[in-house]
PDB file of N, CA and C in Angstrom:
ATOM      1  N   MET A   1       1.911  22.630 -14.302  1.00  0.00           N
ATOM      2  CA  MET A   1       0.835  21.789 -13.804  1.00  0.00           C
ATOM      3  C   MET A   1       1.434  20.433 -13.440  1.00  0.00           C
ATOM      4  N   ARG A   2       1.387  20.102 -12.164  1.00  0.00           N
ATOM      5  CA  ARG A   2       1.919  18.829 -11.676  1.00  0.00           C
ATOM      6  C   ARG A   2       0.809  17.812 -11.521  1.00  0.00           C
ATOM      7  N   ARG A   3       1.191  16.580 -11.527  1.00  0.00           N
ATOM      8  CA  ARG A   3       0.240  15.481 -11.359  1.00  0.00           C
ATOM      9  C   ARG A   3       0.651  14.643 -10.159  1.00  0.00           C
ATOM     10  N   LEU A   4      -0.284  13.902  -9.619  1.00  0.00           N
ATOM     11  CA  LEU A   4      -0.051  13.129  -8.401  1.00  0.00           C
ATOM     12  C   LEU A   4       1.117  12.164  -8.550  1.00  0.00           C
ATOM     13  N   ASP A   5       1.298  11.567  -9.701  1.00  0.00           N
ATOM     14  CA  ASP A   5       2.395  10.612  -9.881  1.00  0.00           C
ATOM     15  C   ASP A   5       3.769  11.283  -9.873  1.00  0.00           C
ATOM     16  N   GLU A   6       3.821  12.621  -9.907  1.00  0.00           N
ATOM     17  CA  GLU A   6       5.085  13.351  -9.918  1.00  0.00           C
ATOM     18  C   GLU A   6       5.559  13.759  -8.526  1.00  0.00           C
ATOM     19  N   LEU A   7       4.738  13.568  -7.501  1.00  0.00           N
ATOM     20  CA  LEU A   7       5.153  13.921  -6.147  1.00  0.00           C
ATOM     21  C   LEU A   7       6.272  12.998  -5.680  1.00  0.00           C
ATOM     22  N   THR A   8       7.095  13.511  -4.790  1.00  0.00           N
ATOM     23  CA  THR A   8       8.103  12.677  -4.150  1.00  0.00           C
ATOM     24  C   THR A   8       7.543  12.205  -2.816  1.00  0.00           C
ATOM     25  N   PRO A   9       7.987  11.058  -2.313  1.00  0.00           N
ATOM     26  CA  PRO A   9       7.467  10.568  -1.033  1.00  0.00           C
ATOM     27  C   PRO A   9       7.601  11.615   0.074  1.00  0.00           C
ATOM     28  N   GLY A  10       6.495  11.812   0.815  1.00  0.00           N
ATOM     29  CA  GLY A  10       6.443  12.802   1.881  1.00  0.00           C
ATOM     30  C   GLY A  10       5.877  14.139   1.441  1.00  0.00           C
ATOM     31  N   GLU A  11       5.780  14.364   0.144  1.00  0.00           N
ATOM     32  CA  GLU A  11       5.275  15.633  -0.376  1.00  0.00           C
ATOM     33  C   GLU A  11       3.738  15.647  -0.356  1.00  0.00           C
ATOM     34  N   GLU A  12       3.187  16.819  -0.073  1.00  0.00           N
ATOM     35  CA  GLU A  12       1.731  16.992   0.033  1.00  0.00           C
ATOM     36  C   GLU A  12       1.284  18.088  -0.922  1.00  0.00           C
ATOM     37  N   ALA A  13       0.053  17.955  -1.439  1.00  0.00           N
ATOM     38  CA  ALA A  13      -0.501  18.958  -2.356  1.00  0.00           C
ATOM     39  C   ALA A  13      -2.025  18.894  -2.309  1.00  0.00           C
ATOM     40  N   ARG A  14      -2.644  19.877  -2.921  1.00  0.00           N
ATOM     41  CA  ARG A  14      -4.107  19.935  -3.009  1.00  0.00           C
ATOM     42  C   ARG A  14      -4.523  19.564  -4.436  1.00  0.00           C
ATOM     43  N   VAL A  15      -5.591  18.775  -4.540  1.00  0.00           N
ATOM     44  CA  VAL A  15      -6.098  18.350  -5.845  1.00  0.00           C
ATOM     45  C   VAL A  15      -6.808  19.524  -6.516  1.00  0.00           C
ATOM     46  N   ARG A  16      -6.442  19.788  -7.750  1.00  0.00           N
ATOM     47  CA  ARG A  16      -7.091  20.841  -8.535  1.00  0.00           C
ATOM     48  C   ARG A  16      -8.199  20.253  -9.399  1.00  0.00           C
ATOM     49  N   ALA A  17      -7.923  19.125 -10.037  1.00  0.00           N
ATOM     50  CA  ALA A  17      -8.897  18.490 -10.937  1.00  0.00           C
ATOM     51  C   ALA A  17      -8.538  17.025 -11.114  1.00  0.00           C
ATOM     52  N   VAL A  18      -9.521  16.257 -11.534  1.00  0.00           N
ATOM     53  CA  VAL A  18      -9.291  14.860 -11.892  1.00  0.00           C
ATOM     54  C   VAL A  18      -9.749  14.714 -13.338  1.00  0.00           C
ATOM     55  N   GLN A  19      -8.811  14.413 -14.212  1.00  0.00           N
ATOM     56  CA  GLN A  19      -9.100  14.316 -15.648  1.00  0.00           C
ATOM     57  C   GLN A  19      -9.031  12.853 -16.049  1.00  0.00           C
ATOM     58  N   ALA A  20     -10.104  12.132 -15.777  1.00  0.00           N
ATOM     59  CA  ALA A  20     -10.132  10.693 -16.001  1.00  0.00           C
ATOM     60  C   ALA A  20     -11.447  10.284 -16.647  1.00  0.00           C
ATOM     61  N   PRO A  21     -11.453   9.100 -17.266  1.00  0.00           N
ATOM     62  CA  PRO A  21     -12.725   8.566 -17.775  1.00  0.00           C
ATOM     63  C   PRO A  21     -13.722   8.431 -16.626  1.00  0.00           C
ATOM     64  N   VAL A  22     -15.002   8.459 -16.941  1.00  0.00           N
ATOM     65  CA  VAL A  22     -16.057   8.487 -15.923  1.00  0.00           C
ATOM     66  C   VAL A  22     -15.921   7.354 -14.906  1.00  0.00           C
ATOM     67  N   ARG A  23     -15.628   6.160 -15.370  1.00  0.00           N
ATOM     68  CA  ARG A  23     -15.537   5.020 -14.441  1.00  0.00           C
ATOM     69  C   ARG A  23     -14.433   5.231 -13.402  1.00  0.00           C
ATOM     70  N   LEU A  24     -13.252   5.666 -13.845  1.00  0.00           N
ATOM     71  CA  LEU A  24     -12.153   5.933 -12.923  1.00  0.00           C
ATOM     72  C   LEU A  24     -12.446   7.165 -12.083  1.00  0.00           C
ATOM     73  N   LEU A  25     -13.064   8.165 -12.671  1.00  0.00           N
ATOM     74  CA  LEU A  25     -13.427   9.386 -11.950  1.00  0.00           C
ATOM     75  C   LEU A  25     -14.306   9.054 -10.748  1.00  0.00           C
ATOM     76  N   ARG A  26     -15.298   8.226 -10.957  1.00  0.00           N
ATOM     77  CA  ARG A  26     -16.193   7.825  -9.849  1.00  0.00           C
ATOM     78  C   ARG A  26     -15.427   7.088  -8.760  1.00  0.00           C
ATOM     79  N   ARG A  27     -14.517   6.210  -9.161  1.00  0.00           N
ATOM     80  CA  ARG A  27     -13.734   5.454  -8.179  1.00  0.00           C
ATOM     81  C   ARG A  27     -12.852   6.389  -7.352  1.00  0.00           C
ATOM     82  N   LEU A  28     -12.160   7.301  -8.025  1.00  0.00           N
ATOM     83  CA  LEU A  28     -11.292   8.229  -7.307  1.00  0.00           C
ATOM     84  C   LEU A  28     -12.088   9.134  -6.373  1.00  0.00           C
ATOM     85  N   PHE A  29     -13.240   9.614  -6.835  1.00  0.00           N
ATOM     86  CA  PHE A  29     -14.089  10.440  -5.975  1.00  0.00           C
ATOM     87  C   PHE A  29     -14.557   9.646  -4.758  1.00  0.00           C
ATOM     88  N   ALA A  30     -14.918   8.388  -4.950  1.00  0.00           N
ATOM     89  CA  ALA A  30     -15.363   7.544  -3.834  1.00  0.00           C
ATOM     90  C   ALA A  30     -14.235   7.335  -2.819  1.00  0.00           C
ATOM     91  N   LEU A  31     -12.989   7.352  -3.285  1.00  0.00           N
ATOM     92  CA  LEU A  31     -11.838   7.203  -2.392  1.00  0.00           C
ATOM     93  C   LEU A  31     -11.457   8.517  -1.717  1.00  0.00           C
ATOM     94  N   GLY A  32     -12.121   9.609  -2.090  1.00  0.00           N
ATOM     95  CA  GLY A  32     -11.842  10.906  -1.487  1.00  0.00           C
ATOM     96  C   GLY A  32     -10.909  11.780  -2.301  1.00  0.00           C
ATOM     97  N   ILE A  33     -10.461  11.291  -3.457  1.00  0.00           N
ATOM     98  CA  ILE A  33      -9.571  12.067  -4.313  1.00  0.00           C
ATOM     99  C   ILE A  33     -10.443  12.890  -5.249  1.00  0.00           C
ATOM    100  N   ARG A  34     -10.672  14.136  -4.826  1.00  0.00           N
ATOM    101  CA  ARG A  34     -11.549  15.051  -5.561  1.00  0.00           C
ATOM    102  C   ARG A  34     -11.001  16.459  -5.410  1.00  0.00           C
ATOM    103  N   PRO A  35     -11.432  17.394  -6.259  1.00  0.00           N
ATOM    104  CA  PRO A  35     -10.914  18.766  -6.163  1.00  0.00           C
ATOM    105  C   PRO A  35     -11.041  19.327  -4.745  1.00  0.00           C
ATOM    106  N   GLY A  36      -9.951  19.936  -4.281  1.00  0.00           N
ATOM    107  CA  GLY A  36      -9.910  20.533  -2.956  1.00  0.00           C
ATOM    108  C   GLY A  36      -9.317  19.625  -1.889  1.00  0.00           C
ATOM    109  N   ALA A  37      -9.227  18.333  -2.143  1.00  0.00           N
ATOM    110  CA  ALA A  37      -8.691  17.388  -1.152  1.00  0.00           C
ATOM    111  C   ALA A  37      -7.169  17.519  -1.052  1.00  0.00           C
ATOM    112  N   ARG A  38      -6.645  17.358   0.165  1.00  0.00           N
ATOM    113  CA  ARG A  38      -5.198  17.330   0.385  1.00  0.00           C
ATOM    114  C   ARG A  38      -4.738  15.885   0.253  1.00  0.00           C
ATOM    115  N   VAL A  39      -3.688  15.667  -0.515  1.00  0.00           N
ATOM    116  CA  VAL A  39      -3.137  14.326  -0.698  1.00  0.00           C
ATOM    117  C   VAL A  39      -1.651  14.361  -0.364  1.00  0.00           C
ATOM    118  N   ARG A  40      -1.158  13.254   0.167  1.00  0.00           N
ATOM    119  CA  ARG A  40       0.266  13.126   0.489  1.00  0.00           C
ATOM    120  C   ARG A  40       0.748  11.785  -0.061  1.00  0.00           C
ATOM    121  N   LEU A  41       1.806  11.830  -0.847  1.00  0.00           N
ATOM    122  CA  LEU A  41       2.402  10.592  -1.338  1.00  0.00           C
ATOM    123  C   LEU A  41       3.258  10.018  -0.224  1.00  0.00           C
ATOM    124  N   LEU A  42       2.928   8.819   0.234  1.00  0.00           N
ATOM    125  CA  LEU A  42       3.673   8.196   1.318  1.00  0.00           C
ATOM    126  C   LEU A  42       4.853   7.384   0.803  1.00  0.00           C
ATOM    127  N   ARG A  43       4.600   6.549  -0.205  1.00  0.00           N
ATOM    128  CA  ARG A  43       5.692   5.737  -0.745  1.00  0.00           C
ATOM    129  C   ARG A  43       5.319   5.150  -2.101  1.00  0.00           C
ATOM    130  N   ARG A  44       6.356   4.709  -2.785  1.00  0.00           N
ATOM    131  CA  ARG A  44       6.210   4.021  -4.066  1.00  0.00           C
ATOM    132  C   ARG A  44       6.705   2.586  -3.867  1.00  0.00           C
ATOM    133  N   ALA A  45       6.103   1.652  -4.571  1.00  0.00           N
ATOM    134  CA  ALA A  45       6.611   0.283  -4.562  1.00  0.00           C
ATOM    135  C   ALA A  45       7.991   0.280  -5.218  1.00  0.00           C
ATOM    136  N   PRO A  46       8.806  -0.721  -4.961  1.00  0.00           N
ATOM    137  CA  PRO A  46      10.172  -0.732  -5.513  1.00  0.00           C
ATOM    138  C   PRO A  46      10.255  -0.514  -7.022  1.00  0.00           C
ATOM    139  N   LEU A  47       9.306  -1.000  -7.789  1.00  0.00           N
ATOM    140  CA  LEU A  47       9.335  -0.790  -9.230  1.00  0.00           C
ATOM    141  C   LEU A  47       8.510   0.420  -9.658  1.00  0.00           C
ATOM    142  N   GLY A  48       8.046   1.225  -8.681  1.00  0.00           N
ATOM    143  CA  GLY A  48       7.330   2.455  -8.983  1.00  0.00           C
ATOM    144  C   GLY A  48       5.822   2.333  -9.059  1.00  0.00           C
ATOM    145  N   ASP A  49       5.305   1.140  -8.919  1.00  0.00           N
ATOM    146  CA  ASP A  49       3.863   0.925  -9.046  1.00  0.00           C
ATOM    147  C   ASP A  49       3.449  -0.164  -8.074  1.00  0.00           C
ATOM    148  N   PRO A  50       2.491  -0.004  -7.205  1.00  0.00           N
ATOM    149  CA  PRO A  50       1.600   1.133  -7.033  1.00  0.00           C
ATOM    150  C   PRO A  50       2.187   2.207  -6.118  1.00  0.00           C
ATOM    151  N   LEU A  51       1.406   3.274  -5.959  1.00  0.00           N
ATOM    152  CA  LEU A  51       1.750   4.370  -5.063  1.00  0.00           C
ATOM    153  C   LEU A  51       0.833   4.301  -3.850  1.00  0.00           C
ATOM    154  N   GLU A  52       1.366   4.601  -2.673  1.00  0.00           N
ATOM    155  CA  GLU A  52       0.534   4.680  -1.472  1.00  0.00           C
ATOM    156  C   GLU A  52       0.318   6.157  -1.158  1.00  0.00           C
ATOM    157  N   VAL A  53      -0.957   6.550  -1.092  1.00  0.00           N
ATOM    158  CA  VAL A  53      -1.333   7.949  -0.925  1.00  0.00           C
ATOM    159  C   VAL A  53      -2.245   8.090   0.288  1.00  0.00           C
ATOM    160  N   ARG A  54      -2.016   9.137   1.081  1.00  0.00           N
ATOM    161  CA  ARG A  54      -2.924   9.450   2.193  1.00  0.00           C
ATOM    162  C   ARG A  54      -3.875  10.545   1.717  1.00  0.00           C
ATOM    163  N   VAL A  55      -5.167  10.288   1.889  1.00  0.00           N
ATOM    164  CA  VAL A  55      -6.212  11.251   1.568  1.00  0.00           C
ATOM    165  C   VAL A  55      -7.056  11.377   2.834  1.00  0.00           C
ATOM    166  N   GLY A  56      -6.934  12.507   3.520  1.00  0.00           N
ATOM    167  CA  GLY A  56      -7.620  12.643   4.808  1.00  0.00           C
ATOM    168  C   GLY A  56      -7.060  11.613   5.772  1.00  0.00           C
ATOM    169  N   GLU A  57      -7.930  10.760   6.317  1.00  0.00           N
ATOM    170  CA  GLU A  57      -7.506   9.708   7.245  1.00  0.00           C
ATOM    171  C   GLU A  57      -7.337   8.362   6.555  1.00  0.00           C
ATOM    172  N   SER A  58      -7.540   8.324   5.246  1.00  0.00           N
ATOM    173  CA  SER A  58      -7.503   7.061   4.504  1.00  0.00           C
ATOM    174  C   SER A  58      -6.175   6.867   3.786  1.00  0.00           C
ATOM    175  N   LEU A  59      -5.775   5.600   3.667  1.00  0.00           N
ATOM    176  CA  LEU A  59      -4.624   5.226   2.860  1.00  0.00           C
ATOM    177  C   LEU A  59      -5.154   4.555   1.603  1.00  0.00           C
ATOM    178  N   VAL A  60      -4.647   4.987   0.462  1.00  0.00           N
ATOM    179  CA  VAL A  60      -5.138   4.504  -0.825  1.00  0.00           C
ATOM    180  C   VAL A  60      -3.948   4.047  -1.655  1.00  0.00           C
ATOM    181  N   ALA A  61      -4.075   2.896  -2.304  1.00  0.00           N
ATOM    182  CA  ALA A  61      -3.062   2.432  -3.248  1.00  0.00           C
ATOM    183  C   ALA A  61      -3.577   2.711  -4.657  1.00  0.00           C
ATOM    184  N   LEU A  62      -2.766   3.397  -5.451  1.00  0.00           N
ATOM    185  CA  LEU A  62      -3.137   3.750  -6.817  1.00  0.00           C
ATOM    186  C   LEU A  62      -2.064   3.284  -7.786  1.00  0.00           C
ATOM    187  N   ARG A  63      -2.493   2.872  -8.948  1.00  0.00           N
ATOM    188  CA  ARG A  63      -1.534   2.625 -10.023  1.00  0.00           C
ATOM    189  C   ARG A  63      -0.976   3.972 -10.466  1.00  0.00           C
ATOM    190  N   ARG A  64       0.229   3.942 -10.973  1.00  0.00           N
ATOM    191  CA  ARG A  64       0.853   5.178 -11.441  1.00  0.00           C
ATOM    192  C   ARG A  64       0.004   5.831 -12.531  1.00  0.00           C
ATOM    193  N   GLN A  65      -0.567   5.030 -13.421  1.00  0.00           N
ATOM    194  CA  GLN A  65      -1.410   5.557 -14.501  1.00  0.00           C
ATOM    195  C   GLN A  65      -2.645   6.266 -13.929  1.00  0.00           C
ATOM    196  N   GLU A  66      -3.235   5.726 -12.864  1.00  0.00           N
ATOM    197  CA  GLU A  66      -4.396   6.373 -12.229  1.00  0.00           C
ATOM    198  C   GLU A  66      -3.983   7.687 -11.586  1.00  0.00           C
ATOM    199  N   ALA A  67      -2.830   7.692 -10.909  1.00  0.00           N
ATOM    200  CA  ALA A  67      -2.339   8.907 -10.251  1.00  0.00           C
ATOM    201  C   ALA A  67      -2.025   9.998 -11.273  1.00  0.00           C
ATOM    202  N   ARG A  68      -1.674   9.612 -12.484  1.00  0.00           N
ATOM    203  CA  ARG A  68      -1.356  10.580 -13.540  1.00  0.00           C
ATOM    204  C   ARG A  68      -2.587  11.385 -13.951  1.00  0.00           C
ATOM    205  N   GLU A  69      -3.783  10.891 -13.644  1.00  0.00           N
ATOM    206  CA  GLU A  69      -5.026  11.577 -14.006  1.00  0.00           C
ATOM    207  C   GLU A  69      -5.388  12.692 -13.014  1.00  0.00           C
ATOM    208  N   VAL A  70      -4.672  12.763 -11.885  1.00  0.00           N
ATOM    209  CA  VAL A  70      -4.982  13.731 -10.829  1.00  0.00           C
ATOM    210  C   VAL A  70      -4.066  14.951 -10.968  1.00  0.00           C
ATOM    211  N   VAL A  71      -4.666  16.110 -11.266  1.00  0.00           N
ATOM    212  CA  VAL A  71      -3.938  17.363 -11.449  1.00  0.00           C
ATOM    213  C   VAL A  71      -3.892  18.098 -10.114  1.00  0.00           C
ATOM    214  N   LEU A  72      -2.724  18.591  -9.765  1.00  0.00           N
ATOM    215  CA  LEU A  72      -2.527  19.270  -8.474  1.00  0.00           C
ATOM    216  C   LEU A  72      -2.433  20.775  -8.671  1.00  0.00           C
ATOM    217  N   GLU A  73      -2.790  21.515  -7.617  1.00  0.00           N
ATOM    218  CA  GLU A  73      -2.672  22.981  -7.654  1.00  0.00           C
ATOM    219  C   GLU A  73      -1.218  23.392  -7.563  1.00  0.00           C
ATOM    220  N   ASP A  74      -0.893  24.475  -8.226  1.00  0.00           N
ATOM    221  CA  ASP A  74       0.446  25.038  -8.137  1.00  0.00           C
ATOM    222  C   ASP A  74       0.636  25.631  -6.756  1.00  0.00           C
ATOM    223  N   GLU A  75       1.740  25.310  -6.122  1.00  0.00           N
ATOM    224  CA  GLU A  75       2.055  25.879  -4.813  1.00  0.00           C
ATOM    225  C   GLU A  75       2.792  27.197  -5.034  1.00  0.00           C
ATOM    226  N   GLY A  76       2.430  28.210  -4.267  1.00  0.00           N
ATOM    227  CA  GLY A  76       3.161  29.458  -4.382  1.00  0.00           C
ATOM    228  C   GLY A  76       2.348  30.527  -4.892  1.00  0.00           C
TER     229      GLY A  76
END
């Protein structure tokens, strides 16, 4: 089971679940990060935080801790 913070830049995956407290869950859902969505990690800041993620047509900046709450589907 991989998490969004484990992707390498340029890698894409589908969201399986978001395991976060309700407040963060609502924020991530509002940004389009929800089960079934395709996400692509575009880049990491030099110190690893924040992460820039493409969700659909939107660009989203997430803290590494927030990205760790997003579970991705196994490819293959």
